[in-house]
Amino acid sequence: MRKNDPKKGFSTRSIHAGHDNGGDPHKPLVTPIYQTASYEFDRVEDLWAFYQKKSDRLAEYARYGTPTQRALEETLMALEGAEDCAVTTSGMNAITSAICTVMNAGDHMVTLNEGYRGTFKMFDQHLARFGLKISYVPVDLEAIKAAVTPQTKLIFLEFPTNPYLKVVDLAELVRFAREKKILTLVDATLSSPLNCNPLSLGVDLVTHSLTKYLNGHNDAIAGAVLGSKELIEKVRSVRGLFGSNPDAHLCYLVSRGIKTFAVRMREHNRSALVVAEYLEKHPKVEKVWYPFVKSNTQLALAQKYLKGGGGVVSFQVKGKDASQEAGLRASTALIEALKIPTLGASMCGVESLIHQPSVMSYYDMDAAARLKEGIYDNLIRFSVGLEDSDDIIADLEQALAKI
């Protein structure tokens, strides 16, 4: 099996789907890096055939694609159950390309008020300048419905959200959106294709930051948009003109990472749940956010749509009093006492990463403004890596003892 076979298991597809090198006389096991900026045509007639889409040539210039890139796209299509895929230079670019594909000046978008702050900045500081109208609502299906106007063209949300890992009823959202003839766009980075396939529920477009679980090794920045052939062909045009096509070496790195994606993701699911349940019982932890912990008020909804909870656990440590300042001291003391997780940005890789959202993503806001956004100074986001979970628990135990 080299091409996609939907009857095969997830691990098998992760390793083999998309990597069909039958046309190469050298028969490489791994799709090579096509390190070229341009492609040769023997005759002008061949060039005309390419432009008229009468040949199987991929591109005439690498800004529009390489065989290495297409192999990666076909792997992702197999994992997500998509008709087509366009990989991009980052997850942020994937979201931007998707939105610029389906929206025009004057169109309205409804999105959640919880998610990656970089996305909000892009919406408010840039997309709004070009006449796109944006409404932010709580993570609640009824709130989404209430925000829709006759100009609403798109509903965008993360599933689950960052950093509180909340979910909405995707099937009901799709049913409502289709009745209103509104497109749906879901950033499924934190669920990953192993845990959820929004396209199978009728979502129109799905994006991933390939930097996270799919590549999984904290060494490559890339993104992807997946959906119908019709929509992705339009995304591909935007991507080519924006110049956001990833180079062949980047695509090779992500393809290599995906070969171990399934086995890594299952361990992320298992280990993070162990860590979340440990933290939930600890007397120095105020609250834990993780899809599958018993205290989650959305547990039934999470179990309905997610096969696993993922590798990210968010939690609040207890400060000496209720002030933000005390909470910041407590969370800082914990992070600086930990020995295994690295203090740094990003998440979902083999190495555990940890940080306080108030210090990193929201560093430029004062305490009152952060609280208004629902970001507490004692909040910690822990991306549980693939270290032994017993070692992670022991490390948390010694660090919590110091605050």
Protein backbone atom coordinates (compact mmCIF):
# COMPACT_ATOMS: atom_id res chain seq x y z
CA MET A 1 0.00 0.00 0.00
CA ARG A 2 1.44 3.36 -1.06
CA LYS A 3 -1.62 5.40 -1.96
CA ASN A 4 -4.53 6.02 0.38
CA ASP A 5 -6.64 3.01 1.35
CA PRO A 6 -9.36 4.17 3.78
CA LYS A 7 -9.88 0.58 4.92
CA LYS A 8 -6.38 0.46 6.40
CA GLY A 9 -5.69 1.41 10.01
CA PHE A 10 -4.61 4.85 11.14
CA SER A 11 -0.96 3.93 11.74
CA THR A 12 -0.74 2.23 8.35
CA ARG A 13 -2.12 5.32 6.62
CA SER A 14 0.23 7.59 8.59
CA ILE A 15 3.23 5.66 7.28
CA HIS A 16 2.24 4.84 3.71
CA ALA A 17 -0.54 7.06 2.34
CA GLY A 18 0.64 9.59 -0.24
CA HIS A 19 4.09 8.12 -0.74
CA ASP A 20 3.75 6.57 -4.20
CA ASN A 21 7.13 6.60 -5.94
CA GLY A 22 6.27 4.06 -8.62
CA GLY A 23 7.23 6.49 -11.38
CA ASP A 24 10.76 6.95 -10.04
CA PRO A 25 13.21 4.44 -11.58
CA HIS A 26 15.19 4.39 -8.33
CA LYS A 27 12.12 3.31 -6.28
CA PRO A 28 12.93 5.28 -3.08
CA LEU A 29 11.20 4.07 0.07
CA VAL A 30 10.89 7.64 1.34
CA THR A 31 9.62 10.46 -0.87
CA PRO A 32 12.71 12.49 -1.84
CA ILE A 33 13.28 16.19 -1.34
CA TYR A 34 12.67 17.83 -4.72
CA GLN A 35 15.05 20.75 -4.21
CA THR A 36 14.23 22.76 -7.31
CA ALA A 37 12.74 26.18 -7.98
CA SER A 38 11.64 25.43 -11.53
CA TYR A 39 10.64 22.47 -13.69
CA GLU A 40 11.71 21.57 -17.21
CA PHE A 41 9.34 21.25 -20.16
CA ASP A 42 10.59 19.60 -23.33
CA ARG A 43 8.26 21.43 -25.70
CA VAL A 44 6.00 24.49 -25.70
CA GLU A 45 3.15 22.08 -26.41
CA ASP A 46 3.81 20.41 -23.06
CA LEU A 47 3.59 23.77 -21.32
CA TRP A 48 0.26 24.50 -23.00
CA ALA A 49 -1.03 21.08 -21.94
CA PHE A 50 -0.01 21.83 -18.36
CA TYR A 51 -1.80 25.20 -18.27
CA GLN A 52 -4.93 23.64 -19.76
CA LYS A 53 -4.78 20.93 -17.05
CA LYS A 54 -4.36 18.22 -19.67
CA SER A 55 -1.22 16.75 -18.12
CA ASP A 56 -0.36 15.24 -14.75
CA ARG A 57 2.48 17.70 -14.16
CA LEU A 58 2.28 19.21 -10.68
CA ALA A 59 3.69 22.68 -11.27
CA GLU A 60 5.96 24.78 -13.44
CA TYR A 61 7.41 26.69 -10.49
CA ALA A 62 8.00 25.56 -6.90
CA ARG A 63 5.98 28.42 -5.42
CA TYR A 64 2.96 26.44 -6.62
CA GLY A 65 4.10 23.02 -5.49
CA THR A 66 6.62 20.19 -5.39
CA PRO A 67 6.21 16.40 -5.43
CA THR A 68 7.47 16.33 -1.83
CA GLN A 69 4.72 18.72 -0.85
CA ARG A 70 2.03 16.79 -2.71
CA ALA A 71 3.04 13.56 -0.97
CA LEU A 72 2.53 15.31 2.38
CA GLU A 73 -0.85 16.67 1.28
CA GLU A 74 -2.03 13.22 0.21
CA THR A 75 -0.97 11.76 3.56
CA LEU A 76 -2.97 14.43 5.38
CA MET A 77 -5.98 13.82 3.12
CA ALA A 78 -5.87 10.14 4.09
CA LEU A 79 -5.74 10.93 7.81
CA GLU A 80 -8.43 13.62 7.78
CA GLY A 81 -10.74 11.99 5.21
CA ALA A 82 -10.51 15.05 2.95
CA GLU A 83 -10.99 15.41 -0.80
CA ASP A 84 -8.04 17.77 -1.05
CA CYS A 85 -5.39 19.58 0.99
CA ALA A 86 -3.14 22.62 0.71
CA VAL A 87 -0.13 22.77 3.01
CA THR A 88 1.19 26.19 4.01
CA THR A 89 4.13 27.75 5.79
CA SER A 90 2.39 27.85 9.19
CA GLY A 91 -0.86 27.14 10.99
CA MET A 92 -1.55 30.87 11.11
CA ASN A 93 -1.11 31.09 7.36
CA ALA A 94 -3.48 28.15 6.91
CA ILE A 95 -6.19 30.01 8.83
CA THR A 96 -5.52 33.28 6.98
CA SER A 97 -5.53 31.57 3.57
CA ALA A 98 -8.80 29.80 4.34
CA ILE A 99 -10.52 32.98 5.52
CA CYS A 100 -9.23 35.06 2.60
CA THR A 101 -10.54 32.37 0.26
CA VAL A 102 -14.16 32.43 1.45
CA MET A 103 -14.68 36.00 2.70
CA ASN A 104 -14.89 39.40 1.02
CA ALA A 105 -14.97 42.97 2.32
CA GLY A 106 -18.22 43.54 4.20
CA ASP A 107 -18.69 39.85 5.08
CA HIS A 108 -19.23 38.92 8.72
CA MET A 109 -17.55 36.13 10.69
CA VAL A 110 -18.53 34.68 14.06
CA THR A 111 -15.73 33.26 16.18
CA LEU A 112 -15.11 32.28 19.80
CA ASN A 113 -13.61 34.63 22.36
CA GLU A 114 -11.31 31.83 23.47
CA GLY A 115 -8.38 30.64 21.42
CA TYR A 116 -4.84 31.36 20.35
CA ARG A 117 -4.18 35.05 20.84
CA GLY A 118 -2.13 35.31 17.66
CA THR A 119 -5.29 34.46 15.73
CA PHE A 120 -7.18 37.27 17.47
CA LYS A 121 -4.39 39.72 16.67
CA MET A 122 -4.51 38.73 13.03
CA PHE A 123 -8.28 39.23 12.97
CA ASP A 124 -8.30 42.59 14.76
CA GLN A 125 -5.10 44.18 13.47
CA HIS A 126 -5.20 43.03 9.86
CA LEU A 127 -8.34 41.32 8.54
CA ALA A 128 -10.54 44.04 10.03
CA ARG A 129 -8.55 46.64 8.04
CA PHE A 130 -9.77 45.03 4.84
CA GLY A 131 -13.44 45.33 5.73
CA LEU A 132 -14.09 41.94 7.36
CA LYS A 133 -16.51 42.17 10.29
CA ILE A 134 -15.83 39.88 13.26
CA SER A 135 -17.96 39.01 16.31
CA TYR A 136 -16.50 37.23 19.35
CA VAL A 137 -18.76 35.02 21.47
CA PRO A 138 -18.37 32.62 24.42
CA VAL A 139 -17.80 28.91 23.81
CA ASP A 140 -21.50 28.18 23.54
CA LEU A 141 -23.58 27.06 20.58
CA GLU A 142 -26.51 29.34 21.43
CA ALA A 143 -24.17 32.32 21.64
CA ILE A 144 -22.84 31.49 18.18
CA LYS A 145 -26.36 31.30 16.78
CA ALA A 146 -27.35 34.60 18.38
CA ALA A 147 -24.38 36.41 16.82
CA VAL A 148 -25.24 35.45 13.25
CA THR A 149 -26.44 38.25 10.96
CA PRO A 150 -27.61 38.29 7.31
CA GLN A 151 -24.01 39.18 6.39
CA THR A 152 -22.46 36.21 8.21
CA LYS A 153 -20.39 34.16 5.77
CA LEU A 154 -18.26 32.08 8.13
CA ILE A 155 -18.16 30.52 11.60
CA PHE A 156 -14.61 29.85 12.82
CA LEU A 157 -13.57 28.05 15.99
CA GLU A 158 -10.83 25.99 17.57
CA PHE A 159 -11.72 22.46 18.61
CA PRO A 160 -10.89 22.15 21.43
CA THR A 161 -9.97 25.70 22.40
CA ASN A 162 -6.65 27.01 23.64
CA PRO A 163 -5.96 27.18 26.58
CA TYR A 164 -9.12 25.91 28.33
CA LEU A 165 -9.78 22.96 25.97
CA LYS A 166 -13.51 23.61 25.61
CA VAL A 167 -15.71 22.17 22.87
CA VAL A 168 -18.98 22.93 21.11
CA ASP A 169 -21.46 20.48 19.62
CA LEU A 170 -20.00 20.23 16.12
CA ALA A 171 -22.87 18.27 14.56
CA GLU A 172 -25.43 20.80 15.80
CA LEU A 173 -23.22 23.68 14.69
CA VAL A 174 -22.97 22.22 11.18
CA ARG A 175 -26.73 21.65 11.02
CA PHE A 176 -27.40 25.26 11.97
CA ALA A 177 -24.74 26.66 9.62
CA ARG A 178 -26.07 24.72 6.65
CA GLU A 179 -29.60 25.95 7.30
CA LYS A 180 -28.25 29.50 7.21
CA LYS A 181 -25.93 28.79 4.25
CA ILE A 182 -22.89 29.72 6.36
CA LEU A 183 -19.50 28.04 5.91
CA THR A 184 -17.71 26.45 8.87
CA LEU A 185 -13.97 26.50 9.51
CA VAL A 186 -12.46 24.49 12.38
CA ASP A 187 -8.88 24.69 13.62
CA ALA A 188 -8.47 21.08 14.77
CA THR A 189 -4.82 21.38 15.82
CA LEU A 190 -5.48 20.43 19.44
CA SER A 191 -7.67 17.45 18.62
CA SER A 192 -5.53 16.10 15.74
CA PRO A 193 -6.87 13.74 13.05
CA LEU A 194 -6.50 10.77 15.38
CA ASN A 195 -8.93 12.17 17.94
CA CYS A 196 -11.47 13.93 15.70
CA ASN A 197 -12.30 14.39 12.02
CA PRO A 198 -14.55 17.48 11.73
CA LEU A 199 -14.95 17.03 7.96
CA SER A 200 -16.80 13.76 8.57
CA LEU A 201 -19.36 15.77 10.54
CA GLY A 202 -19.95 18.18 7.68
CA VAL A 203 -17.50 20.97 8.56
CA ASP A 204 -16.45 22.75 5.36
CA LEU A 205 -12.78 23.46 6.06
CA VAL A 206 -10.31 22.20 8.65
CA THR A 207 -6.91 23.70 9.47
CA HIS A 208 -3.96 22.29 11.36
CA SER A 209 -0.75 23.72 12.66
CA LEU A 210 1.44 20.88 11.43
CA THR A 211 4.08 22.23 13.79
CA LYS A 212 2.20 20.57 16.63
CA TYR A 213 1.11 16.91 16.87
CA LEU A 214 1.44 15.95 13.22
CA ASN A 215 5.12 16.83 12.88
CA GLY A 216 5.56 16.42 16.61
CA HIS A 217 9.27 17.11 17.02
CA ASN A 218 9.42 20.87 17.65
CA ASP A 219 11.64 21.35 14.59
CA ALA A 220 9.38 22.55 11.77
CA ILE A 221 6.76 25.28 11.24
CA ALA A 222 3.97 24.41 8.77
CA GLY A 223 0.19 24.37 8.38
CA ALA A 224 -2.55 22.80 6.29
CA VAL A 225 -6.08 23.50 5.05
CA LEU A 226 -8.31 20.53 4.16
CA GLY A 227 -11.75 20.28 2.60
CA SER A 228 -13.55 19.80 -0.70
CA LYS A 229 -11.70 19.94 -4.02
CA GLU A 230 -13.64 23.06 -4.96
CA LEU A 231 -12.69 25.03 -1.84
CA ILE A 232 -9.09 23.80 -1.65
CA GLU A 233 -8.47 24.71 -5.29
CA LYS A 234 -9.37 28.29 -4.32
CA VAL A 235 -7.17 28.10 -1.21
CA ARG A 236 -4.32 26.84 -3.39
CA SER A 237 -4.67 29.89 -5.64
CA VAL A 238 -4.50 32.23 -2.63
CA ARG A 239 -1.51 30.33 -1.24
CA GLY A 240 0.39 30.53 -4.52
CA LEU A 241 -0.17 34.25 -4.94
CA PHE A 242 0.58 34.99 -1.27
CA GLY A 243 3.84 33.04 -1.66
CA SER A 244 3.06 30.83 1.34
CA ASN A 245 3.89 27.49 -0.22
CA PRO A 246 6.29 25.52 2.03
CA ASP A 247 9.62 24.41 0.61
CA ALA A 248 10.39 20.77 -0.13
CA HIS A 249 12.69 20.23 2.85
CA LEU A 250 10.04 21.49 5.27
CA CYS A 251 7.48 19.13 3.73
CA TYR A 252 9.96 16.27 4.04
CA LEU A 253 10.43 16.95 7.76
CA VAL A 254 6.68 17.00 8.41
CA SER A 255 6.14 13.83 6.34
CA ARG A 256 8.83 12.09 8.37
CA GLY A 257 7.19 13.22 11.60
CA ILE A 258 3.77 11.96 10.52
CA LYS A 259 5.08 8.41 10.11
CA THR A 260 5.16 8.14 13.92
CA PHE A 261 2.15 10.39 14.52
CA ALA A 262 -0.38 7.70 15.47
CA VAL A 263 1.81 6.00 18.07
CA ARG A 264 2.88 9.36 19.50
CA MET A 265 -0.68 10.66 19.69
CA ARG A 266 -1.93 7.62 21.57
CA GLU A 267 0.79 8.14 24.15
CA HIS A 268 0.00 11.86 24.42
CA ASN A 269 -3.63 10.91 25.11
CA ARG A 270 -2.68 8.37 27.77
CA SER A 271 0.05 10.32 29.54
CA ALA A 272 -1.76 13.68 29.62
CA LEU A 273 -4.84 12.07 31.18
CA VAL A 274 -2.63 10.56 33.90
CA VAL A 275 -1.09 13.98 34.56
CA ALA A 276 -4.48 15.73 34.54
CA GLU A 277 -5.97 13.25 37.02
CA TYR A 278 -2.94 13.64 39.29
CA LEU A 279 -3.21 17.43 39.24
CA GLU A 280 -6.96 17.32 39.82
CA LYS A 281 -6.39 15.59 43.18
CA HIS A 282 -3.48 17.73 44.34
CA PRO A 283 -4.29 20.12 47.23
CA LYS A 284 -2.15 22.92 45.75
CA VAL A 285 -4.00 22.90 42.43
CA GLU A 286 -7.09 25.07 42.21
CA LYS A 287 -8.58 23.82 38.93
CA VAL A 288 -7.71 21.57 35.98
CA TRP A 289 -8.90 21.85 32.38
CA TYR A 290 -8.67 18.67 30.31
CA PRO A 291 -11.41 17.17 28.14
CA PHE A 292 -11.61 13.81 29.91
CA VAL A 293 -11.26 14.67 33.61
CA LYS A 294 -14.35 13.96 35.72
CA SER A 295 -14.66 17.58 36.84
CA ASN A 296 -15.11 18.79 33.25
CA THR A 297 -18.66 20.07 32.88
CA GLN A 298 -18.39 19.27 29.15
CA LEU A 299 -17.21 15.70 29.68
CA ALA A 300 -20.13 14.05 27.85
CA LEU A 301 -19.76 16.42 24.89
CA ALA A 302 -16.00 15.87 24.76
CA GLN A 303 -16.47 12.10 24.81
CA LYS A 304 -19.02 12.38 22.00
CA TYR A 305 -16.54 13.99 19.60
CA LEU A 306 -13.05 13.13 20.83
CA LYS A 307 -11.38 9.71 20.83
CA GLY A 308 -8.70 11.07 23.15
CA GLY A 309 -8.10 14.19 25.19
CA GLY A 310 -4.81 15.17 23.58
CA GLY A 311 -1.54 16.13 25.22
CA VAL A 312 -2.30 19.59 26.65
CA VAL A 313 -3.36 20.12 30.27
CA SER A 314 -4.18 23.57 31.64
CA PHE A 315 -4.39 24.20 35.37
CA GLN A 316 -4.38 26.87 38.04
CA VAL A 317 -2.18 26.65 41.11
CA LYS A 318 -3.29 28.08 44.42
CA GLY A 319 -1.69 31.34 45.54
CA LYS A 320 -1.48 32.63 49.11
CA ASP A 321 -4.48 34.86 48.47
CA ALA A 322 -6.92 35.63 45.69
CA SER A 323 -4.82 38.34 44.04
CA GLN A 324 -3.37 38.04 40.56
CA GLU A 325 0.06 38.92 41.95
CA ALA A 326 0.04 36.00 44.38
CA GLY A 327 -1.12 33.67 41.64
CA LEU A 328 1.70 34.83 39.38
CA ARG A 329 4.26 34.20 42.14
CA ALA A 330 2.89 30.71 42.72
CA SER A 331 2.79 29.73 39.04
CA THR A 332 6.27 31.16 38.47
CA ALA A 333 7.67 29.25 41.45
CA LEU A 334 6.21 26.01 40.15
CA ILE A 335 7.53 26.42 36.61
CA GLU A 336 11.00 27.34 37.79
CA ALA A 337 11.11 24.32 40.12
CA LEU A 338 10.24 21.84 37.37
CA LYS A 339 13.13 19.95 35.78
CA ILE A 340 11.58 17.99 32.88
CA PRO A 341 9.33 20.41 30.97
CA THR A 342 11.00 23.25 29.11
CA LEU A 343 9.76 26.80 29.57
CA GLY A 344 8.92 27.90 26.05
CA ALA A 345 6.34 28.58 23.38
CA SER A 346 4.45 26.03 21.27
CA MET A 347 3.13 22.63 22.31
CA CYS A 348 2.30 19.08 21.24
CA GLY A 349 5.82 17.82 20.60
CA VAL A 350 7.83 14.95 22.04
CA GLU A 351 9.43 17.27 24.61
CA SER A 352 7.20 18.60 27.38
CA LEU A 353 6.73 22.38 27.20
CA ILE A 354 5.19 24.61 29.85
CA HIS A 355 4.40 28.29 30.34
CA GLN A 356 2.03 30.84 31.86
CA PRO A 357 -0.25 32.34 29.18
CA SER A 358 -0.27 35.63 31.13
CA VAL A 359 3.50 35.93 30.75
CA MET A 360 3.84 34.70 27.18
CA SER A 361 0.80 35.11 24.91
CA TYR A 362 -0.69 37.97 26.97
CA TYR A 363 2.55 39.61 28.15
CA ASP A 364 1.56 42.99 26.70
CA MET A 365 -1.68 43.27 28.70
CA ASP A 366 -2.02 44.39 32.32
CA ALA A 367 -3.63 42.16 34.95
CA ALA A 368 -7.08 43.74 34.65
CA ALA A 369 -7.10 43.36 30.88
CA ARG A 370 -5.96 39.75 31.15
CA LEU A 371 -8.72 38.98 33.62
CA LYS A 372 -11.25 40.48 31.23
CA GLU A 373 -9.98 38.00 28.63
CA GLY A 374 -10.33 35.15 31.13
CA ILE A 375 -6.58 34.69 31.59
CA TYR A 376 -5.50 34.28 35.21
CA ASP A 377 -1.94 34.80 36.38
CA ASN A 378 -1.95 31.46 38.18
CA LEU A 379 -2.87 29.66 34.96
CA ILE A 380 -0.34 27.22 33.51
CA ARG A 381 -0.51 25.44 30.16
CA PHE A 382 1.38 22.16 30.22
CA SER A 383 2.05 20.38 26.93
CA VAL A 384 2.74 16.85 28.13
CA GLY A 385 5.45 15.27 26.01
CA LEU A 386 6.56 11.68 25.62
CA GLU A 387 8.78 11.44 28.67
CA ASP A 388 7.80 8.64 31.08
CA SER A 389 4.63 9.75 32.82
CA ASP A 390 5.95 8.48 36.16
CA ASP A 391 8.91 10.85 35.80
CA ILE A 392 6.60 13.75 34.93
CA ILE A 393 4.42 13.06 37.98
CA ALA A 394 7.46 12.84 40.25
CA ASP A 395 8.74 16.13 38.86
CA LEU A 396 5.39 17.83 39.45
CA GLU A 397 5.32 16.40 42.98
CA GLN A 398 8.67 17.90 43.96
CA ALA A 399 7.87 21.23 42.31
CA LEU A 400 4.41 21.58 43.88
CA ALA A 401 5.98 20.89 47.28
CA LYS A 402 8.03 24.09 46.86
CA ILE A 403 5.10 26.51 46.46
